[in-house]
Amino acid sequence: MDVSLLSQAPLFQGVPPKELESLLSCLGASVRRYRRGERVLRAGEAVTSLGLVLSGSVLIESAGFWGGSAVLDRAGPGQIFAETYACLPGEPLLVDVTAGEDAELLFLAAERILTPCPRACPRHAALIRSLLALSARKNLILSRKILHTAPKTVRERLLSYLSDQSLRAGSRSFTIPFDRQQLADYLSVDRSALSAEIGRLRREGVLTSRRSEFTLCDAENGHFSRS
């Protein structure tokens, strides 16, 4: 594990690499590797550690009792997951976590983060503040998903999501973090219906796309179209 790179993760912002090694020891850190599609955490189980993606990515998915799933979020390098459940002992997971690609993950004991160790690590308070800020950001991410899936039509959901991605990128050209199936799951729509809608928007001159790369050619007109 490259400690110098890990120190750049938002959770450890401001922690010098030379102090990070001892801090990780206090937090009971462990590293695990997963193959693409492998289950990391399963809905219904309780967890005591939060995860941090070192490489690759994980998908946060809601799974129905009779099958089927919807992508709620994706966590890439430097991002954390399962922190809410880890901070609530005994609370069962409502989601599945799977490796979106081959991934190396770091797990940290939540209790050790929330309770300063006897050595009183000088960076512990900063770590707690970072965790709180990241949790607040996650709430915003979930709020965004609710906003994008509120419209009734595939077109409106897709344009709501793409408009937000363009705004966040500060450009009409941007790359989304999902492939077609993952985007369909995230928006809770059928993949073929999504692909058909993207094709229609291309023909109408609203956007151009290639895999996960999009350019909004007429974002305003497309965004307010209700057909």
C-alpha atoms as a PDB file:
ATOM      1  CA  MET A   1       0.000   0.000   0.000  1.00  0.00           C
ATOM      2  CA  ASP A   2       1.387   3.372  -1.096  1.00  0.00           C
ATOM      3  CA  VAL A   3       1.007   5.561   1.997  1.00  0.00           C
ATOM      4  CA  SER A   4       1.968   8.728   0.115  1.00  0.00           C
ATOM      5  CA  LEU A   5      -0.924   8.219  -2.313  1.00  0.00           C
ATOM      6  CA  LEU A   6      -3.312   7.208   0.471  1.00  0.00           C
ATOM      7  CA  SER A   7      -2.589  10.468   2.293  1.00  0.00           C
ATOM      8  CA  GLN A   8      -4.192  12.272  -0.670  1.00  0.00           C
ATOM      9  CA  ALA A   9      -7.553  10.564  -0.104  1.00  0.00           C
ATOM     10  CA  PRO A  10     -10.203  12.979   1.251  1.00  0.00           C
ATOM     11  CA  LEU A  11     -10.557  10.947   4.471  1.00  0.00           C
ATOM     12  CA  PHE A  12      -6.874  11.524   5.301  1.00  0.00           C
ATOM     13  CA  GLN A  13      -6.622  15.063   3.997  1.00  0.00           C
ATOM     14  CA  GLY A  14      -3.858  16.925   5.788  1.00  0.00           C
ATOM     15  CA  VAL A  15      -2.304  13.827   7.362  1.00  0.00           C
ATOM     16  CA  PRO A  16       1.419  13.626   6.460  1.00  0.00           C
ATOM     17  CA  PRO A  17       2.523  10.199   5.116  1.00  0.00           C
ATOM     18  CA  LYS A  18       4.955   9.755   8.009  1.00  0.00           C
ATOM     19  CA  GLU A  19       2.057  10.052  10.502  1.00  0.00           C
ATOM     20  CA  LEU A  20      -0.387   8.016   8.435  1.00  0.00           C
ATOM     21  CA  GLU A  21       1.342   4.686   9.012  1.00  0.00           C
ATOM     22  CA  SER A  22       0.938   4.904  12.799  1.00  0.00           C
ATOM     23  CA  LEU A  23      -2.630   6.184  12.400  1.00  0.00           C
ATOM     24  CA  LEU A  24      -3.554   3.195  10.220  1.00  0.00           C
ATOM     25  CA  SER A  25      -2.212   0.897  12.914  1.00  0.00           C
ATOM     26  CA  CYS A  26      -4.488   2.580  15.463  1.00  0.00           C
ATOM     27  CA  LEU A  27      -7.475   2.123  13.143  1.00  0.00           C
ATOM     28  CA  GLY A  28      -6.992  -1.616  12.674  1.00  0.00           C
ATOM     29  CA  ALA A  29      -6.463  -1.202   8.926  1.00  0.00           C
ATOM     30  CA  SER A  30      -6.621  -4.230   6.623  1.00  0.00           C
ATOM     31  CA  VAL A  31      -6.388  -4.514   2.831  1.00  0.00           C
ATOM     32  CA  ARG A  32      -8.424  -6.946   0.713  1.00  0.00           C
ATOM     33  CA  ARG A  33      -8.616  -7.553  -3.027  1.00  0.00           C
ATOM     34  CA  TYR A  34     -11.708  -8.394  -5.080  1.00  0.00           C
ATOM     35  CA  ARG A  35     -12.372  -9.407  -8.666  1.00  0.00           C
ATOM     36  CA  ARG A  36     -14.884  -7.588 -10.882  1.00  0.00           C
ATOM     37  CA  GLY A  37     -18.427  -8.599  -9.917  1.00  0.00           C
ATOM     38  CA  GLU A  38     -17.356 -10.147  -6.593  1.00  0.00           C
ATOM     39  CA  ARG A  39     -19.541  -9.360  -3.590  1.00  0.00           C
ATOM     40  CA  VAL A  40     -17.832  -7.165  -0.997  1.00  0.00           C
ATOM     41  CA  LEU A  41     -20.709  -6.660   1.425  1.00  0.00           C
ATOM     42  CA  ARG A  42     -24.171  -8.231   1.406  1.00  0.00           C
ATOM     43  CA  ALA A  43     -27.514  -6.644   2.314  1.00  0.00           C
ATOM     44  CA  GLY A  44     -28.733  -7.812   5.722  1.00  0.00           C
ATOM     45  CA  GLU A  45     -25.342  -8.164   7.365  1.00  0.00           C
ATOM     46  CA  ALA A  46     -23.998  -5.780   9.989  1.00  0.00           C
ATOM     47  CA  VAL A  47     -20.568  -4.213   9.509  1.00  0.00           C
ATOM     48  CA  THR A  48     -18.113  -2.635  11.904  1.00  0.00           C
ATOM     49  CA  SER A  49     -15.602  -1.300   9.377  1.00  0.00           C
ATOM     50  CA  LEU A  50     -15.907   1.307   6.663  1.00  0.00           C
ATOM     51  CA  GLY A  51     -14.235   0.752   3.314  1.00  0.00           C
ATOM     52  CA  LEU A  52     -11.932   2.979   1.279  1.00  0.00           C
ATOM     53  CA  VAL A  53     -11.177   2.214  -2.377  1.00  0.00           C
ATOM     54  CA  LEU A  54      -7.437   2.072  -3.068  1.00  0.00           C
ATOM     55  CA  SER A  55      -7.821   1.045  -6.714  1.00  0.00           C
ATOM     56  CA  GLY A  56     -10.661  -0.024  -8.982  1.00  0.00           C
ATOM     57  CA  SER A  57     -14.215   0.729  -7.887  1.00  0.00           C
ATOM     58  CA  VAL A  58     -17.218  -0.639  -6.024  1.00  0.00           C
ATOM     59  CA  LEU A  59     -20.920  -0.331  -6.836  1.00  0.00           C
ATOM     60  CA  ILE A  60     -23.540   0.338  -4.166  1.00  0.00           C
ATOM     61  CA  GLU A  61     -26.690  -1.510  -5.218  1.00  0.00           C
ATOM     62  CA  SER A  62     -30.173  -2.001  -3.820  1.00  0.00           C
ATOM     63  CA  ALA A  63     -31.298  -5.597  -4.257  1.00  0.00           C
ATOM     64  CA  GLY A  64     -34.907  -6.784  -4.225  1.00  0.00           C
ATOM     65  CA  PHE A  65     -35.966  -9.911  -2.317  1.00  0.00           C
ATOM     66  CA  TRP A  66     -37.026 -11.609  -5.571  1.00  0.00           C
ATOM     67  CA  GLY A  67     -33.998 -10.466  -7.544  1.00  0.00           C
ATOM     68  CA  GLY A  68     -33.138  -7.421  -9.609  1.00  0.00           C
ATOM     69  CA  SER A  69     -30.948  -4.546  -8.512  1.00  0.00           C
ATOM     70  CA  ALA A  70     -30.472  -0.818  -8.987  1.00  0.00           C
ATOM     71  CA  VAL A  71     -27.184   1.054  -8.780  1.00  0.00           C
ATOM     72  CA  LEU A  72     -27.339   3.746  -6.097  1.00  0.00           C
ATOM     73  CA  ASP A  73     -23.766   4.945  -6.268  1.00  0.00           C
ATOM     74  CA  ARG A  74     -20.220   4.147  -7.332  1.00  0.00           C
ATOM     75  CA  ALA A  75     -17.089   4.635  -5.217  1.00  0.00           C
ATOM     76  CA  GLY A  76     -13.723   5.026  -6.973  1.00  0.00           C
ATOM     77  CA  PRO A  77     -10.145   5.450  -5.741  1.00  0.00           C
ATOM     78  CA  GLY A  78      -9.921   7.523  -2.561  1.00  0.00           C
ATOM     79  CA  GLN A  79     -13.661   7.305  -1.848  1.00  0.00           C
ATOM     80  CA  ILE A  80     -15.273   5.582   1.130  1.00  0.00           C
ATOM     81  CA  PHE A  81     -18.329   3.336   1.483  1.00  0.00           C
ATOM     82  CA  ALA A  82     -20.445   1.678   4.219  1.00  0.00           C
ATOM     83  CA  GLU A  83     -19.409   4.385   6.690  1.00  0.00           C
ATOM     84  CA  THR A  84     -22.980   5.077   7.860  1.00  0.00           C
ATOM     85  CA  TYR A  85     -23.619   1.443   8.761  1.00  0.00           C
ATOM     86  CA  ALA A  86     -20.187   1.012  10.339  1.00  0.00           C
ATOM     87  CA  CYS A  87     -20.922   3.947  12.651  1.00  0.00           C
ATOM     88  CA  LEU A  88     -24.263   2.389  13.714  1.00  0.00           C
ATOM     89  CA  PRO A  89     -23.348  -0.942  15.378  1.00  0.00           C
ATOM     90  CA  GLY A  90     -25.818  -3.718  14.613  1.00  0.00           C
ATOM     91  CA  GLU A  91     -27.635  -1.821  11.843  1.00  0.00           C
ATOM     92  CA  PRO A  92     -28.106  -4.248   8.910  1.00  0.00           C
ATOM     93  CA  LEU A  93     -27.036  -3.145   5.457  1.00  0.00           C
ATOM     94  CA  LEU A  94     -29.873  -2.185   3.120  1.00  0.00           C
ATOM     95  CA  VAL A  95     -27.578  -2.451   0.094  1.00  0.00           C
ATOM     96  CA  ASP A  96     -25.126  -4.779  -1.593  1.00  0.00           C
ATOM     97  CA  VAL A  97     -21.583  -3.671  -2.378  1.00  0.00           C
ATOM     98  CA  THR A  98     -19.877  -5.341  -5.332  1.00  0.00           C
ATOM     99  CA  ALA A  99     -16.601  -4.749  -7.145  1.00  0.00           C
ATOM    100  CA  GLY A 100     -17.331  -2.726 -10.285  1.00  0.00           C
ATOM    101  CA  GLU A 101     -13.896  -3.819 -11.551  1.00  0.00           C
ATOM    102  CA  ASP A 102     -10.882  -5.511 -10.006  1.00  0.00           C
ATOM    103  CA  ALA A 103     -10.435  -3.587  -6.764  1.00  0.00           C
ATOM    104  CA  GLU A 104      -8.110  -3.202  -3.799  1.00  0.00           C
ATOM    105  CA  LEU A 105      -9.959  -2.012  -0.695  1.00  0.00           C
ATOM    106  CA  LEU A 106      -8.832  -0.720   2.691  1.00  0.00           C
ATOM    107  CA  PHE A 107     -11.054  -1.418   5.717  1.00  0.00           C
ATOM    108  CA  LEU A 108     -10.935   0.680   8.902  1.00  0.00           C
ATOM    109  CA  ALA A 109     -12.630  -0.044  12.224  1.00  0.00           C
ATOM    110  CA  ALA A 110     -15.288   2.646  12.724  1.00  0.00           C
ATOM    111  CA  GLU A 111     -15.195   2.376  16.527  1.00  0.00           C
ATOM    112  CA  ARG A 112     -11.480   3.193  16.508  1.00  0.00           C
ATOM    113  CA  ILE A 113     -12.135   6.237  14.340  1.00  0.00           C
ATOM    114  CA  LEU A 114     -14.894   7.573  16.576  1.00  0.00           C
ATOM    115  CA  THR A 115     -13.049   6.823  19.836  1.00  0.00           C
ATOM    116  CA  PRO A 116      -9.609   8.465  20.208  1.00  0.00           C
ATOM    117  CA  CYS A 117      -6.967   5.898  21.048  1.00  0.00           C
ATOM    118  CA  PRO A 118      -4.931   5.965  24.313  1.00  0.00           C
ATOM    119  CA  ARG A 119      -1.996   7.423  22.387  1.00  0.00           C
ATOM    120  CA  ALA A 120      -4.163  10.430  21.460  1.00  0.00           C
ATOM    121  CA  CYS A 121      -2.988  10.607  17.825  1.00  0.00           C
ATOM    122  CA  PRO A 122      -2.774  14.302  16.926  1.00  0.00           C
ATOM    123  CA  ARG A 123      -4.574  13.727  13.617  1.00  0.00           C
ATOM    124  CA  HIS A 124      -7.531  11.853  15.082  1.00  0.00           C
ATOM    125  CA  ALA A 125      -9.798  14.907  15.438  1.00  0.00           C
ATOM    126  CA  ALA A 126      -9.083  15.893  11.827  1.00  0.00           C
ATOM    127  CA  LEU A 127      -9.994  12.368  10.730  1.00  0.00           C
ATOM    128  CA  ILE A 128     -13.376  12.592  12.479  1.00  0.00           C
ATOM    129  CA  ARG A 129     -14.075  15.960  10.824  1.00  0.00           C
ATOM    130  CA  SER A 130     -13.204  14.514   7.415  1.00  0.00           C
ATOM    131  CA  LEU A 131     -15.502  11.536   7.990  1.00  0.00           C
ATOM    132  CA  LEU A 132     -18.375  13.855   8.939  1.00  0.00           C
ATOM    133  CA  ALA A 133     -17.825  15.995   5.823  1.00  0.00           C
ATOM    134  CA  LEU A 134     -17.712  12.924   3.570  1.00  0.00           C
ATOM    135  CA  SER A 135     -20.917  11.553   5.120  1.00  0.00           C
ATOM    136  CA  ALA A 136     -22.652  14.868   4.476  1.00  0.00           C
ATOM    137  CA  ARG A 137     -21.507  14.735   0.849  1.00  0.00           C
ATOM    138  CA  LYS A 138     -22.954  11.225   0.534  1.00  0.00           C
ATOM    139  CA  ASN A 139     -26.326  12.608   1.630  1.00  0.00           C
ATOM    140  CA  LEU A 140     -26.127  15.092  -1.230  1.00  0.00           C
ATOM    141  CA  ILE A 141     -25.337  12.288  -3.660  1.00  0.00           C
ATOM    142  CA  LEU A 142     -28.435  10.355  -2.574  1.00  0.00           C
ATOM    143  CA  SER A 143     -30.506  13.523  -2.864  1.00  0.00           C
ATOM    144  CA  ARG A 144     -29.243  13.877  -6.442  1.00  0.00           C
ATOM    145  CA  LYS A 145     -30.331  10.349  -7.292  1.00  0.00           C
ATOM    146  CA  ILE A 146     -33.813  11.059  -5.933  1.00  0.00           C
ATOM    147  CA  LEU A 147     -33.932  14.188  -8.106  1.00  0.00           C
ATOM    148  CA  HIS A 148     -32.875  12.285 -11.244  1.00  0.00           C
ATOM    149  CA  THR A 149     -35.295   9.381 -10.732  1.00  0.00           C
ATOM    150  CA  ALA A 150     -38.305  11.532  -9.809  1.00  0.00           C
ATOM    151  CA  PRO A 151     -39.371  12.270 -13.457  1.00  0.00           C
ATOM    152  CA  LYS A 152     -41.676   9.683 -15.039  1.00  0.00           C
ATOM    153  CA  THR A 153     -40.075   9.280 -18.467  1.00  0.00           C
ATOM    154  CA  VAL A 154     -36.721   7.824 -19.471  1.00  0.00           C
ATOM    155  CA  ARG A 155     -35.969  11.002 -21.412  1.00  0.00           C
ATOM    156  CA  GLU A 156     -36.502  13.292 -18.437  1.00  0.00           C
ATOM    157  CA  ARG A 157     -34.454  11.105 -16.096  1.00  0.00           C
ATOM    158  CA  LEU A 158     -31.585  10.873 -18.572  1.00  0.00           C
ATOM    159  CA  LEU A 159     -31.534  14.608 -19.329  1.00  0.00           C
ATOM    160  CA  SER A 160     -31.761  15.464 -15.634  1.00  0.00           C
ATOM    161  CA  TYR A 161     -28.697  13.296 -14.960  1.00  0.00           C
ATOM    162  CA  LEU A 162     -26.700  14.514 -17.965  1.00  0.00           C
ATOM    163  CA  SER A 163     -27.490  18.157 -17.226  1.00  0.00           C
ATOM    164  CA  ASP A 164     -26.206  17.685 -13.675  1.00  0.00           C
ATOM    165  CA  GLN A 165     -23.032  15.961 -14.919  1.00  0.00           C
ATOM    166  CA  SER A 166     -22.407  18.822 -17.349  1.00  0.00           C
ATOM    167  CA  LEU A 167     -22.898  21.369 -14.581  1.00  0.00           C
ATOM    168  CA  ARG A 168     -20.535  19.513 -12.244  1.00  0.00           C
ATOM    169  CA  ALA A 169     -17.897  19.176 -14.973  1.00  0.00           C
ATOM    170  CA  GLY A 170     -18.226  22.836 -15.923  1.00  0.00           C
ATOM    171  CA  SER A 171     -18.433  21.823 -19.568  1.00  0.00           C
ATOM    172  CA  ARG A 172     -20.912  20.488 -22.119  1.00  0.00           C
ATOM    173  CA  SER A 173     -18.431  17.646 -22.767  1.00  0.00           C
ATOM    174  CA  PHE A 174     -17.893  15.170 -19.928  1.00  0.00           C
ATOM    175  CA  THR A 175     -17.422  11.498 -19.038  1.00  0.00           C
ATOM    176  CA  ILE A 176     -19.862   9.735 -16.723  1.00  0.00           C
ATOM    177  CA  PRO A 177     -18.705   7.042 -14.244  1.00  0.00           C
ATOM    178  CA  PHE A 178     -21.168   4.388 -15.528  1.00  0.00           C
ATOM    179  CA  ASP A 179     -21.432   2.054 -18.499  1.00  0.00           C
ATOM    180  CA  ARG A 180     -24.863   1.692 -20.171  1.00  0.00           C
ATOM    181  CA  GLN A 181     -26.157  -1.038 -17.860  1.00  0.00           C
ATOM    182  CA  GLN A 182     -24.944   0.743 -14.738  1.00  0.00           C
ATOM    183  CA  LEU A 183     -26.518   4.008 -15.908  1.00  0.00           C
ATOM    184  CA  ALA A 184     -29.810   2.228 -16.586  1.00  0.00           C
ATOM    185  CA  ASP A 185     -29.696   0.715 -13.091  1.00  0.00           C
ATOM    186  CA  TYR A 186     -28.823   4.080 -11.539  1.00  0.00           C
ATOM    187  CA  LEU A 187     -31.783   5.767 -13.251  1.00  0.00           C
ATOM    188  CA  SER A 188     -34.043   2.738 -12.576  1.00  0.00           C
ATOM    189  CA  VAL A 189     -34.933   2.310 -16.263  1.00  0.00           C
ATOM    190  CA  ASP A 190     -34.702  -0.504 -18.803  1.00  0.00           C
ATOM    191  CA  ARG A 191     -31.337  -0.629 -20.586  1.00  0.00           C
ATOM    192  CA  SER A 192     -32.858  -0.971 -24.095  1.00  0.00           C
ATOM    193  CA  ALA A 193     -35.229   1.912 -23.418  1.00  0.00           C
ATOM    194  CA  LEU A 194     -32.262   4.002 -22.267  1.00  0.00           C
ATOM    195  CA  SER A 195     -30.202   3.147 -25.350  1.00  0.00           C
ATOM    196  CA  ALA A 196     -33.167   3.945 -27.606  1.00  0.00           C
ATOM    197  CA  GLU A 197     -33.614   7.335 -25.915  1.00  0.00           C
ATOM    198  CA  ILE A 198     -29.926   8.181 -26.294  1.00  0.00           C
ATOM    199  CA  GLY A 199     -30.245   7.317 -29.987  1.00  0.00           C
ATOM    200  CA  ARG A 200     -33.259   9.619 -30.357  1.00  0.00           C
ATOM    201  CA  LEU A 201     -31.475  12.487 -28.633  1.00  0.00           C
ATOM    202  CA  ARG A 202     -28.490  12.021 -30.952  1.00  0.00           C
ATOM    203  CA  ARG A 203     -30.743  12.150 -34.020  1.00  0.00           C
ATOM    204  CA  GLU A 204     -32.449  15.266 -32.674  1.00  0.00           C
ATOM    205  CA  GLY A 205     -29.089  16.965 -32.263  1.00  0.00           C
ATOM    206  CA  VAL A 206     -29.454  17.328 -28.494  1.00  0.00           C
ATOM    207  CA  LEU A 207     -26.284  15.402 -27.720  1.00  0.00           C
ATOM    208  CA  THR A 208     -23.461  13.313 -29.079  1.00  0.00           C
ATOM    209  CA  SER A 209     -22.092  10.291 -27.239  1.00  0.00           C
ATOM    210  CA  ARG A 210     -19.491   7.563 -27.427  1.00  0.00           C
ATOM    211  CA  ARG A 211     -19.636   4.978 -24.666  1.00  0.00           C
ATOM    212  CA  SER A 212     -19.408   6.992 -21.425  1.00  0.00           C
ATOM    213  CA  GLU A 213     -18.462  10.267 -23.129  1.00  0.00           C
ATOM    214  CA  PHE A 214     -21.222  12.818 -23.760  1.00  0.00           C
ATOM    215  CA  THR A 215     -21.475  16.287 -25.244  1.00  0.00           C
ATOM    216  CA  LEU A 216     -24.665  18.323 -24.852  1.00  0.00           C
ATOM    217  CA  CYS A 217     -25.136  20.158 -28.140  1.00  0.00           C
ATOM    218  CA  ASP A 218     -28.366  21.882 -27.175  1.00  0.00           C
ATOM    219  CA  ALA A 219     -28.574  21.324 -23.440  1.00  0.00           C
ATOM    220  CA  GLU A 220     -31.226  23.942 -22.694  1.00  0.00           C
ATOM    221  CA  ASN A 221     -33.632  22.832 -25.394  1.00  0.00           C
ATOM    222  CA  GLY A 222     -33.133  19.176 -24.630  1.00  0.00           C
ATOM    223  CA  HIS A 223     -33.473  19.622 -20.881  1.00  0.00           C
ATOM    224  CA  PHE A 224     -36.896  21.213 -21.104  1.00  0.00           C
ATOM    225  CA  SER A 225     -38.271  18.901 -23.781  1.00  0.00           C
ATOM    226  CA  ARG A 226     -41.172  16.875 -22.384  1.00  0.00           C
ATOM    227  CA  SER A 227     -41.881  14.641 -25.375  1.00  0.00           C
END
